Amino acid sequence: MWTVTAPSAGRRPPWQNSPVPPAPCPCGLAESYAACCGRFHDGGLTAPTAELLMRSRFSAFAVGDTGYLLRTWHPDTRPRHLALDPGQEWTRLEILGRTGGGLLHAEGTVEFRAHYRHRGRDGFLEENSRFRRDDGHWVYLDAQA
């Protein structure tokens, strides 16, 4: 027979004494999702560089945030609707190169490889995305696959 006793008031059971660190952001940076791309997804901040916008858009695909993807798409190339495939899991992002896209630039590119798992099979998408400032904010314009 098992006996379960409650911990003394104000004390935590031993297995709860070490906090579990939050999972790293899907974009590949070491910060937690909330401290990294989540701060852009919730609308509180905008990505200051094209690369951070690229990373935040990858994370939006990973967490299924179609609203963010549409908000950060240039109005001239933005689709009216966006539906994500629930059978596709975005697993890892590699930044392969970039041009421009910094704090003082108006345009930039980010070349990347996005890894995914779709219906049990691994794959990747490689493209060179173009970004442009629109009303002072970085937005995704288009890509060359």
C-alpha atoms as a PDB file:
ATOM      1  CA  MET A   1       0.000   0.000   0.000  1.00  0.00           C
ATOM      2  CA  TRP A   2       1.246   3.498  -0.860  1.00  0.00           C
ATOM      3  CA  THR A   3       1.015   6.403   1.508  1.00  0.00           C
ATOM      4  CA  VAL A   4       0.951   9.926   0.082  1.00  0.00           C
ATOM      5  CA  THR A   5       1.658  12.803   2.425  1.00  0.00           C
ATOM      6  CA  ALA A   6       1.283  16.482   1.648  1.00  0.00           C
ATOM      7  CA  PRO A   7       4.374  18.670   1.995  1.00  0.00           C
ATOM      8  CA  SER A   8       4.570  21.056   4.924  1.00  0.00           C
ATOM      9  CA  ALA A   9       2.958  24.434   4.326  1.00  0.00           C
ATOM     10  CA  GLY A  10       5.196  26.661   2.221  1.00  0.00           C
ATOM     11  CA  ARG A  11       7.501  23.826   1.137  1.00  0.00           C
ATOM     12  CA  ARG A  12       7.568  22.253  -2.289  1.00  0.00           C
ATOM     13  CA  PRO A  13       8.047  18.517  -2.868  1.00  0.00           C
ATOM     14  CA  PRO A  14      11.691  17.701  -3.783  1.00  0.00           C
ATOM     15  CA  TRP A  15      10.872  16.978  -7.455  1.00  0.00           C
ATOM     16  CA  GLN A  16       9.527  20.542  -7.840  1.00  0.00           C
ATOM     17  CA  ASN A  17      12.606  22.304  -6.431  1.00  0.00           C
ATOM     18  CA  SER A  18      14.432  22.701  -9.726  1.00  0.00           C
ATOM     19  CA  PRO A  19      12.561  24.828 -12.217  1.00  0.00           C
ATOM     20  CA  VAL A  20      12.250  23.425 -15.710  1.00  0.00           C
ATOM     21  CA  PRO A  21      13.743  25.872 -18.181  1.00  0.00           C
ATOM     22  CA  PRO A  22      11.378  27.000 -20.923  1.00  0.00           C
ATOM     23  CA  ALA A  23      11.834  25.341 -24.296  1.00  0.00           C
ATOM     24  CA  PRO A  24      13.961  27.289 -26.769  1.00  0.00           C
ATOM     25  CA  CYS A  25      12.229  29.261 -29.500  1.00  0.00           C
ATOM     26  CA  PRO A  26      11.386  27.323 -32.695  1.00  0.00           C
ATOM     27  CA  CYS A  27      13.519  29.826 -34.676  1.00  0.00           C
ATOM     28  CA  GLY A  28      16.695  28.251 -33.296  1.00  0.00           C
ATOM     29  CA  LEU A  29      17.888  30.999 -30.974  1.00  0.00           C
ATOM     30  CA  ALA A  30      18.507  29.995 -27.364  1.00  0.00           C
ATOM     31  CA  GLU A  31      15.875  32.258 -25.808  1.00  0.00           C
ATOM     32  CA  SER A  32      12.419  31.001 -24.856  1.00  0.00           C
ATOM     33  CA  TYR A  33       9.583  31.484 -27.339  1.00  0.00           C
ATOM     34  CA  ALA A  34       8.039  34.240 -25.179  1.00  0.00           C
ATOM     35  CA  ALA A  35      11.332  36.167 -24.927  1.00  0.00           C
ATOM     36  CA  CYS A  36      12.198  35.645 -28.596  1.00  0.00           C
ATOM     37  CA  CYS A  37       9.602  35.385 -31.378  1.00  0.00           C
ATOM     38  CA  GLY A  38       6.573  35.385 -29.090  1.00  0.00           C
ATOM     39  CA  ARG A  39       7.174  39.065 -28.320  1.00  0.00           C
ATOM     40  CA  PHE A  40       6.705  39.823 -32.027  1.00  0.00           C
ATOM     41  CA  HIS A  41       3.749  37.464 -32.488  1.00  0.00           C
ATOM     42  CA  ASP A  42       1.754  39.099 -29.701  1.00  0.00           C
ATOM     43  CA  GLY A  43       2.032  42.473 -31.460  1.00  0.00           C
ATOM     44  CA  GLY A  44       3.959  44.190 -28.684  1.00  0.00           C
ATOM     45  CA  LEU A  45       7.111  44.665 -30.769  1.00  0.00           C
ATOM     46  CA  THR A  46       8.147  44.470 -34.408  1.00  0.00           C
ATOM     47  CA  ALA A  47      11.243  42.684 -35.670  1.00  0.00           C
ATOM     48  CA  PRO A  48      14.088  45.227 -35.995  1.00  0.00           C
ATOM     49  CA  THR A  49      15.932  43.331 -38.779  1.00  0.00           C
ATOM     50  CA  ALA A  50      15.003  41.224 -41.789  1.00  0.00           C
ATOM     51  CA  GLU A  51      16.661  38.170 -40.226  1.00  0.00           C
ATOM     52  CA  LEU A  52      14.653  38.483 -37.011  1.00  0.00           C
ATOM     53  CA  LEU A  53      11.494  38.863 -39.103  1.00  0.00           C
ATOM     54  CA  MET A  54      12.470  35.701 -41.015  1.00  0.00           C
ATOM     55  CA  ARG A  55      13.037  33.841 -37.751  1.00  0.00           C
ATOM     56  CA  SER A  56       9.747  35.090 -36.311  1.00  0.00           C
ATOM     57  CA  ARG A  57       7.876  34.030 -39.458  1.00  0.00           C
ATOM     58  CA  PHE A  58       9.410  30.539 -39.243  1.00  0.00           C
ATOM     59  CA  SER A  59       8.254  30.374 -35.616  1.00  0.00           C
ATOM     60  CA  ALA A  60       4.796  31.530 -36.709  1.00  0.00           C
ATOM     61  CA  PHE A  61       4.644  28.590 -39.126  1.00  0.00           C
ATOM     62  CA  ALA A  62       5.825  26.297 -36.307  1.00  0.00           C
ATOM     63  CA  VAL A  63       3.142  27.484 -33.850  1.00  0.00           C
ATOM     64  CA  GLY A  64       0.395  27.967 -36.480  1.00  0.00           C
ATOM     65  CA  ASP A  65       0.059  31.760 -36.175  1.00  0.00           C
ATOM     66  CA  THR A  66      -1.440  32.620 -39.573  1.00  0.00           C
ATOM     67  CA  GLY A  67      -2.495  36.074 -38.355  1.00  0.00           C
ATOM     68  CA  TYR A  68       1.135  37.042 -37.776  1.00  0.00           C
ATOM     69  CA  LEU A  69       2.189  35.618 -41.136  1.00  0.00           C
ATOM     70  CA  LEU A  70      -0.429  37.713 -42.924  1.00  0.00           C
ATOM     71  CA  ARG A  71       0.367  40.870 -40.904  1.00  0.00           C
ATOM     72  CA  THR A  72       4.056  40.602 -41.815  1.00  0.00           C
ATOM     73  CA  TRP A  73       3.459  39.972 -45.528  1.00  0.00           C
ATOM     74  CA  HIS A  74       3.866  42.909 -47.944  1.00  0.00           C
ATOM     75  CA  PRO A  75       0.421  44.142 -49.063  1.00  0.00           C
ATOM     76  CA  ASP A  76       1.356  43.816 -52.757  1.00  0.00           C
ATOM     77  CA  THR A  77       2.109  40.071 -52.471  1.00  0.00           C
ATOM     78  CA  ARG A  78      -0.001  39.000 -49.451  1.00  0.00           C
ATOM     79  CA  PRO A  79      -2.593  36.284 -50.114  1.00  0.00           C
ATOM     80  CA  ARG A  80      -6.172  36.934 -49.015  1.00  0.00           C
ATOM     81  CA  HIS A  81      -6.266  33.759 -46.923  1.00  0.00           C
ATOM     82  CA  LEU A  82      -3.652  31.415 -45.559  1.00  0.00           C
ATOM     83  CA  ALA A  83      -4.299  27.844 -44.444  1.00  0.00           C
ATOM     84  CA  LEU A  84      -1.497  25.794 -42.917  1.00  0.00           C
ATOM     85  CA  ASP A  85      -1.268  22.031 -43.336  1.00  0.00           C
ATOM     86  CA  PRO A  86      -1.852  20.490 -39.875  1.00  0.00           C
ATOM     87  CA  GLY A  87       0.162  17.452 -40.973  1.00  0.00           C
ATOM     88  CA  GLN A  88       3.328  19.526 -41.381  1.00  0.00           C
ATOM     89  CA  GLU A  89       5.592  20.205 -38.397  1.00  0.00           C
ATOM     90  CA  TRP A  90       8.350  22.805 -38.819  1.00  0.00           C
ATOM     91  CA  THR A  91      11.315  21.476 -36.852  1.00  0.00           C
ATOM     92  CA  ARG A  92      14.456  23.542 -37.454  1.00  0.00           C
ATOM     93  CA  LEU A  93      15.708  26.684 -39.178  1.00  0.00           C
ATOM     94  CA  GLU A  94      19.165  27.308 -40.619  1.00  0.00           C
ATOM     95  CA  ILE A  95      20.164  30.782 -41.792  1.00  0.00           C
ATOM     96  CA  LEU A  96      22.506  30.315 -44.767  1.00  0.00           C
ATOM     97  CA  GLY A  97      23.161  33.952 -45.660  1.00  0.00           C
ATOM     98  CA  ARG A  98      21.794  37.476 -45.699  1.00  0.00           C
ATOM     99  CA  THR A  99      22.243  40.798 -47.447  1.00  0.00           C
ATOM    100  CA  GLY A 100      21.109  44.186 -46.135  1.00  0.00           C
ATOM    101  CA  GLY A 101      18.129  43.941 -43.834  1.00  0.00           C
ATOM    102  CA  GLY A 102      19.721  45.807 -40.937  1.00  0.00           C
ATOM    103  CA  LEU A 103      18.586  48.695 -38.803  1.00  0.00           C
ATOM    104  CA  LEU A 104      19.581  51.278 -41.435  1.00  0.00           C
ATOM    105  CA  HIS A 105      18.471  49.361 -44.551  1.00  0.00           C
ATOM    106  CA  ALA A 106      15.210  49.552 -46.505  1.00  0.00           C
ATOM    107  CA  GLU A 107      15.553  46.123 -48.158  1.00  0.00           C
ATOM    108  CA  GLY A 108      17.222  42.835 -47.407  1.00  0.00           C
ATOM    109  CA  THR A 109      17.370  39.150 -48.211  1.00  0.00           C
ATOM    110  CA  VAL A 110      17.672  36.102 -45.989  1.00  0.00           C
ATOM    111  CA  GLU A 111      18.659  32.743 -47.437  1.00  0.00           C
ATOM    112  CA  PHE A 112      17.555  29.844 -45.267  1.00  0.00           C
ATOM    113  CA  ARG A 113      16.791  26.158 -45.011  1.00  0.00           C
ATOM    114  CA  ALA A 114      13.619  25.280 -43.086  1.00  0.00           C
ATOM    115  CA  HIS A 115      13.377  21.658 -41.957  1.00  0.00           C
ATOM    116  CA  TYR A 116      10.028  19.971 -41.488  1.00  0.00           C
ATOM    117  CA  ARG A 117       8.299  16.668 -40.894  1.00  0.00           C
ATOM    118  CA  HIS A 118       5.258  15.994 -43.066  1.00  0.00           C
ATOM    119  CA  ARG A 119       3.153  12.914 -42.453  1.00  0.00           C
ATOM    120  CA  GLY A 120       6.119  11.108 -40.921  1.00  0.00           C
ATOM    121  CA  ARG A 121       8.697  12.071 -43.560  1.00  0.00           C
ATOM    122  CA  ASP A 122      11.508  14.583 -43.089  1.00  0.00           C
ATOM    123  CA  GLY A 123      12.191  17.272 -45.656  1.00  0.00           C
ATOM    124  CA  PHE A 124      13.361  20.831 -46.054  1.00  0.00           C
ATOM    125  CA  LEU A 125      12.548  23.987 -47.959  1.00  0.00           C
ATOM    126  CA  GLU A 126      15.413  26.185 -49.103  1.00  0.00           C
ATOM    127  CA  GLU A 127      14.806  29.700 -50.381  1.00  0.00           C
ATOM    128  CA  ASN A 128      16.133  33.228 -50.528  1.00  0.00           C
ATOM    129  CA  SER A 129      13.439  35.545 -49.151  1.00  0.00           C
ATOM    130  CA  ARG A 130      13.217  39.259 -49.923  1.00  0.00           C
ATOM    131  CA  PHE A 131      12.144  41.712 -47.251  1.00  0.00           C
ATOM    132  CA  ARG A 132      11.266  45.384 -47.448  1.00  0.00           C
ATOM    133  CA  ARG A 133      10.320  48.072 -44.988  1.00  0.00           C
ATOM    134  CA  ASP A 134       6.677  49.087 -45.254  1.00  0.00           C
ATOM    135  CA  ASP A 135       5.637  52.054 -43.125  1.00  0.00           C
ATOM    136  CA  GLY A 136       8.841  51.619 -41.103  1.00  0.00           C
ATOM    137  CA  HIS A 137       8.316  47.885 -40.383  1.00  0.00           C
ATOM    138  CA  TRP A 138       9.993  44.895 -42.006  1.00  0.00           C
ATOM    139  CA  VAL A 139       7.666  42.730 -44.111  1.00  0.00           C
ATOM    140  CA  TYR A 140       8.132  39.646 -46.262  1.00  0.00           C
ATOM    141  CA  LEU A 141       7.939  40.498 -49.976  1.00  0.00           C
ATOM    142  CA  ASP A 142       8.597  37.306 -51.932  1.00  0.00           C
ATOM    143  CA  ALA A 143      11.105  34.488 -52.408  1.00  0.00           C
ATOM    144  CA  GLN A 144      13.185  32.534 -54.837  1.00  0.00           C
ATOM    145  CA  ALA A 145      13.116  28.799 -54.106  1.00  0.00           C
END
